[in-house]
């Protein structure tokens, strides 16, 4: 997808919406960089790349849980039809995007491999394992996106989300991320943000 592609321009416009602070083209580029770095580990790099581009294409912080992801899949489906993607690849990308609703690997997958889904989810949450300053910038950007909530309401909701990740046996799904030290740093960052919100 190049800069002259009408879909690229559409995606660029979507990720440049004024209410976005973290879920911008920078987030997409960060994930694409990781996708390139780990491409040799992926079964279908193209499906993962497309899922990266479309997974947050619809992003309304006021939407009900899961609504953004489902609408993002609808936008991807328009692209898939126009570009005549194969049914297996179309289904794989939709499964990847849908997985970001709960950020977990479902028991049954029809088109995408567990391996690719694991990497995709880890790419999406790589930010959790950044250094202290970068993580605090990320946390502040998320707060700005949810400006319409009071500090009390935001703190309660955000803490609940962070605690779901901390309660898991592993913050990251791939061995590559865990052995690279992401796991330990992510858990520290999550606990520290919860402390600041309390």
Protein backbone atom coordinates (compact mmCIF):
# COMPACT_ATOMS: atom_id res chain seq x y z
CA UNK A 1 0.00 0.00 0.00
CA UNK A 2 1.81 3.08 -1.25
CA UNK A 3 1.28 6.83 -0.75
CA UNK A 4 -0.54 7.12 -4.09
CA UNK A 5 -3.07 4.46 -3.11
CA UNK A 6 -6.52 5.88 -2.38
CA UNK A 7 -6.83 3.50 0.57
CA UNK A 8 -3.52 4.70 1.99
CA UNK A 9 -4.83 8.26 1.90
CA UNK A 10 -8.04 7.17 3.58
CA UNK A 11 -6.17 5.35 6.34
CA UNK A 12 -3.82 8.28 6.83
CA UNK A 13 -6.82 10.60 7.23
CA UNK A 14 -8.46 8.25 9.71
CA UNK A 15 -5.36 7.95 11.86
CA UNK A 16 -4.93 11.72 11.72
CA UNK A 17 -8.32 12.46 13.31
CA UNK A 18 -7.96 15.27 15.88
CA UNK A 19 -9.26 13.31 18.87
CA UNK A 20 -6.57 10.67 18.54
CA UNK A 21 -3.47 11.01 20.69
CA UNK A 22 -2.04 7.49 20.90
CA UNK A 23 -4.02 5.59 18.25
CA UNK A 24 -2.39 7.53 15.42
CA UNK A 25 -0.23 6.70 12.41
CA UNK A 26 2.73 6.55 14.81
CA UNK A 27 1.16 3.53 16.50
CA UNK A 28 0.62 1.91 13.11
CA UNK A 29 4.19 2.62 12.00
CA UNK A 30 5.53 1.17 15.25
CA UNK A 31 3.58 -2.05 14.67
CA UNK A 32 4.64 -2.20 11.01
CA UNK A 33 8.26 -1.88 12.11
CA UNK A 34 7.83 -4.83 14.48
CA UNK A 35 6.06 -6.78 11.74
CA UNK A 36 9.05 -6.24 9.49
CA UNK A 37 11.50 -7.24 12.22
CA UNK A 38 9.68 -10.50 12.95
CA UNK A 39 8.45 -11.22 9.39
CA UNK A 40 10.48 -14.43 9.18
CA UNK A 41 8.57 -15.74 12.21
CA UNK A 42 5.14 -15.13 10.65
CA UNK A 43 3.09 -17.59 8.62
CA UNK A 44 1.24 -14.88 6.69
CA UNK A 45 3.04 -11.53 7.04
CA UNK A 46 0.69 -9.86 4.56
CA UNK A 47 -2.39 -10.71 6.64
CA UNK A 48 -0.70 -9.37 9.76
CA UNK A 49 0.32 -6.20 7.92
CA UNK A 50 -3.23 -5.59 6.71
CA UNK A 51 -4.61 -6.19 10.20
CA UNK A 52 -2.16 -3.63 11.55
CA UNK A 53 -3.36 -1.05 9.05
CA UNK A 54 -7.05 -1.62 9.71
CA UNK A 55 -7.33 -2.67 13.37
CA UNK A 56 -7.85 0.88 14.69
CA UNK A 57 -9.13 2.54 11.52
CA UNK A 58 -12.39 3.28 13.33
CA UNK A 59 -11.60 4.67 16.76
CA UNK A 60 -14.18 6.51 18.83
CA UNK A 61 -13.31 6.61 22.55
CA UNK A 62 -17.01 7.09 23.33
CA UNK A 63 -18.07 3.91 21.52
CA UNK A 64 -19.33 0.85 23.38
CA UNK A 65 -16.87 -1.98 23.99
CA UNK A 66 -16.09 -3.87 20.79
CA UNK A 67 -17.92 -1.46 18.49
CA UNK A 68 -14.75 0.15 17.10
CA UNK A 69 -13.23 -3.21 16.24
CA UNK A 70 -16.36 -4.48 14.50
CA UNK A 71 -16.62 -1.29 12.46
CA UNK A 72 -12.92 -1.54 11.61
CA UNK A 73 -13.57 -5.04 10.26
CA UNK A 74 -16.37 -3.61 8.12
CA UNK A 75 -13.95 -1.06 6.65
CA UNK A 76 -11.39 -3.78 5.98
CA UNK A 77 -14.05 -5.89 4.26
CA UNK A 78 -14.69 -3.03 1.83
CA UNK A 79 -10.98 -3.00 1.02
CA UNK A 80 -10.89 -6.79 0.70
CA UNK A 81 -13.75 -6.82 -1.79
CA UNK A 82 -12.29 -3.99 -3.84
CA UNK A 83 -8.84 -5.62 -3.94
CA UNK A 84 -10.29 -9.11 -4.46
CA UNK A 85 -8.47 -10.70 -1.54
CA UNK A 86 -8.88 -14.43 -1.10
CA UNK A 87 -11.50 -15.63 1.36
CA UNK A 88 -8.88 -17.26 3.67
CA UNK A 89 -6.81 -14.07 3.86
CA UNK A 90 -9.89 -11.90 4.34
CA UNK A 91 -11.03 -14.17 7.18
CA UNK A 92 -7.58 -14.21 8.75
CA UNK A 93 -7.37 -10.42 8.86
CA UNK A 94 -10.87 -10.17 10.32
CA UNK A 95 -9.93 -12.68 13.04
CA UNK A 96 -6.81 -10.70 13.86
CA UNK A 97 -8.73 -7.46 14.23
CA UNK A 98 -11.53 -9.11 16.21
CA UNK A 99 -9.00 -10.49 18.69
CA UNK A 100 -8.16 -6.95 19.85
CA UNK A 101 -11.58 -6.66 21.51
CA UNK A 102 -10.42 -8.83 24.43
CA UNK A 103 -6.74 -9.00 23.54
CA UNK A 104 -6.61 -12.72 24.01
CA UNK A 105 -6.33 -15.80 21.85
CA UNK A 106 -9.70 -17.54 21.37
CA UNK A 107 -9.99 -21.29 21.70
CA UNK A 108 -10.91 -21.75 18.07
CA UNK A 109 -9.39 -20.09 15.00
CA UNK A 110 -10.59 -20.67 11.46
CA UNK A 111 -8.11 -18.88 9.21
CA UNK A 112 -5.29 -17.24 11.13
CA UNK A 113 -2.57 -19.25 12.87
CA UNK A 114 -2.14 -19.01 16.62
CA UNK A 115 1.45 -18.00 15.92
CA UNK A 116 0.48 -14.99 13.80
CA UNK A 117 -2.24 -13.93 16.23
CA UNK A 118 0.24 -14.11 19.11
CA UNK A 119 2.73 -11.87 17.33
CA UNK A 120 0.02 -9.43 16.21
CA UNK A 121 -1.27 -8.99 19.76
CA UNK A 122 2.26 -8.57 21.08
CA UNK A 123 3.00 -5.95 18.42
CA UNK A 124 -0.12 -4.05 19.49
CA UNK A 125 0.89 -3.96 23.16
CA UNK A 126 4.64 -3.55 22.73
CA UNK A 127 4.17 -0.05 24.19
CA UNK A 128 3.59 -1.59 27.62
CA UNK A 129 7.26 -2.57 27.80
CA UNK A 130 8.82 0.74 26.80
CA UNK A 131 11.04 2.71 29.15
CA UNK A 132 9.49 4.73 31.97
CA UNK A 133 9.37 8.05 30.11
CA UNK A 134 7.90 6.55 26.93
CA UNK A 135 5.31 4.61 28.91
CA UNK A 136 4.23 7.71 30.81
CA UNK A 137 3.77 9.55 27.50
CA UNK A 138 1.62 6.65 26.27
CA UNK A 139 -0.46 6.65 29.47
CA UNK A 140 -0.98 10.42 29.18
CA UNK A 141 -2.06 10.07 25.54
CA UNK A 142 -4.65 7.45 26.46
CA UNK A 143 -5.98 9.76 29.19
CA UNK A 144 -6.26 12.57 26.63
CA UNK A 145 -8.30 10.34 24.32
CA UNK A 146 -10.71 9.70 27.18
CA UNK A 147 -10.95 13.36 28.19
CA UNK A 148 -14.75 13.08 28.51
CA UNK A 149 -14.41 10.97 31.67
CA UNK A 150 -13.83 12.46 35.11
CA UNK A 151 -10.54 11.56 36.78
CA UNK A 152 -12.39 9.26 39.16
CA UNK A 153 -14.31 7.43 36.44
CA UNK A 154 -11.26 7.17 34.20
CA UNK A 155 -9.07 5.90 37.03
CA UNK A 156 -11.56 3.19 37.90
CA UNK A 157 -12.01 2.04 34.30
CA UNK A 158 -8.36 2.23 33.36
CA UNK A 159 -7.29 0.36 36.49
CA UNK A 160 -9.72 -2.45 35.67
CA UNK A 161 -8.21 -2.78 32.19
CA UNK A 162 -4.63 -2.77 33.47
CA UNK A 163 -5.43 -5.32 36.15
CA UNK A 164 -6.77 -7.77 33.55
CA UNK A 165 -3.32 -7.80 31.95
CA UNK A 166 -1.52 -8.14 35.27
CA UNK A 167 -3.70 -11.09 36.30
CA UNK A 168 -2.61 -13.08 33.27
CA UNK A 169 0.20 -15.57 33.63
CA UNK A 170 2.01 -13.81 30.79
CA UNK A 171 1.64 -10.27 29.47
CA UNK A 172 2.98 -11.34 26.07
CA UNK A 173 2.06 -14.38 24.02
CA UNK A 174 5.30 -15.01 22.12
CA UNK A 175 8.49 -16.46 23.45
CA UNK A 176 10.37 -13.91 21.36
CA UNK A 177 8.87 -11.01 23.30
CA UNK A 178 9.22 -12.65 26.68
CA UNK A 179 12.87 -13.60 26.21
CA UNK A 180 13.63 -10.08 24.94
CA UNK A 181 12.78 -8.72 28.38
CA UNK A 182 9.42 -7.19 27.48
CA UNK A 183 7.51 -9.20 30.09
CA UNK A 184 9.27 -7.88 33.19
CA UNK A 185 9.21 -4.25 32.07
CA UNK A 186 5.54 -4.41 31.05
CA UNK A 187 4.48 -5.79 34.42
CA UNK A 188 6.41 -3.06 36.22
CA UNK A 189 4.84 -0.34 34.05
CA UNK A 190 1.33 -1.72 34.53
CA UNK A 191 1.72 -1.90 38.30
CA UNK A 192 3.22 1.59 38.43
CA UNK A 193 0.36 3.12 36.43
CA UNK A 194 -2.17 1.42 38.69
CA UNK A 195 -0.33 2.90 41.68
CA UNK A 196 -0.47 6.39 40.15
CA UNK A 197 -4.19 6.05 39.43
CA UNK A 198 -5.06 4.95 42.97
